[in-house]
Amino acid sequence: MFLRLMGDIEAASPQNRPIAQVRAQTDLDAWTFGGPEIALHSVSDLRIPSRAEEIPARYYLGTPTSSGILIYFHGGAWVSGGLDSCDSICRFIARHADIRVLSVDYRLAPEHAYPAALDDALAAYRFALSLPGSEACFVAIGGDSAGGNIAASLCQRLTTSNLPMPHFQLLFYPVMDVLNKSESYRLFSSGYVLSEAQMDWAKALYAPQGNYADPALSPLLATSLQGLPPAYVATAEFDVLRDEGERYATRLKACAPATQRRRAPGLIHGFANMMGVSRSAREEMHLAVAALTTARANGRTLEDTSA
């Protein structure tokens, strides 16, 4: 039944539907598969000031004493998703890592093409650092899919800014190379929720100028990853994006040895949003939370656990 539902989702090709329908479906899928709402100490919606327009955000506090902060960017192929579509993910992390989470509703393509989302990410990062208690605390950035791309791209941008680099990256099946197609594209081009055709459609809407070799679009193509924070990079076994995420983790580990690469066996793209229907997805999220809490606690080198 679950696989049939997943097939129905892919069959409703977003590239052949109005954007409004795609966005509504993204929120519905997250609600359907995300699981029961996790109660937290507080969840509040707010707006982040920026040069363009205020950015909607949601601030999660698992307990009154939650320490550290994770700035999180949702997935959705840069064209859909928002605060509601990643709510279950943020609640899970806030509860089980006992960390503050700031979820960012960055501007979406095609109305706002690149670099609007990245500009919003930078504004949100600056805002997070200004929150009380954030000056000397553990700071992580993260995201899933397109949100993982934005998080990693933000690290690239921070190398030339006067802002401090975060301590850690938490990346779920991120888009890391919009220029090239790896072997996992050939293996899983269709039939696994996220298809090659969908990625081509999303890339064209997000970056219509086609400057795909820019490391701000393709973090894997950066000349150097030196100075970037370590990461936990979780990929899915059956996903077109699998190989590029793993290659990024491998390159980053050479510069930041605490980097951990994890291939989730038997899972597909989007598993972070499937905790309500998949025990394996929940287990993978617990592993990610463990990596985050370990990084916050003492920064120990994490062992590679690729499947």
Foldseek 3Di string as FASTA:
>chain_A
DVLVVLQVLVVVPPLPDDLVVLQVVLLVLLVVQQADQDDAPDKDWDWFDAPPHTWIKIKGARYPPQFEEEEEEEDRLQRYDACNSCNSLQSVLCNLLRHMYIYTGFDGWPVDAPPRRLRSVVSVVVVQCPPPPNVPTQYEYEYEAQRRLSRLLNLVVCVPDPDDAGQEYEYELYQAALPDFDPLLVVQQDSQNDHPVSNVSSCCGRCVVPPRLPCSNHVLNDPAPAPHHAYEYEYEPNERSRPSSVSSQVRVCVRHVLHEYEYQPPHGGPLSSRVNPDPSSVVVSSVSSVSVSVCRPPNDRDDYDYD
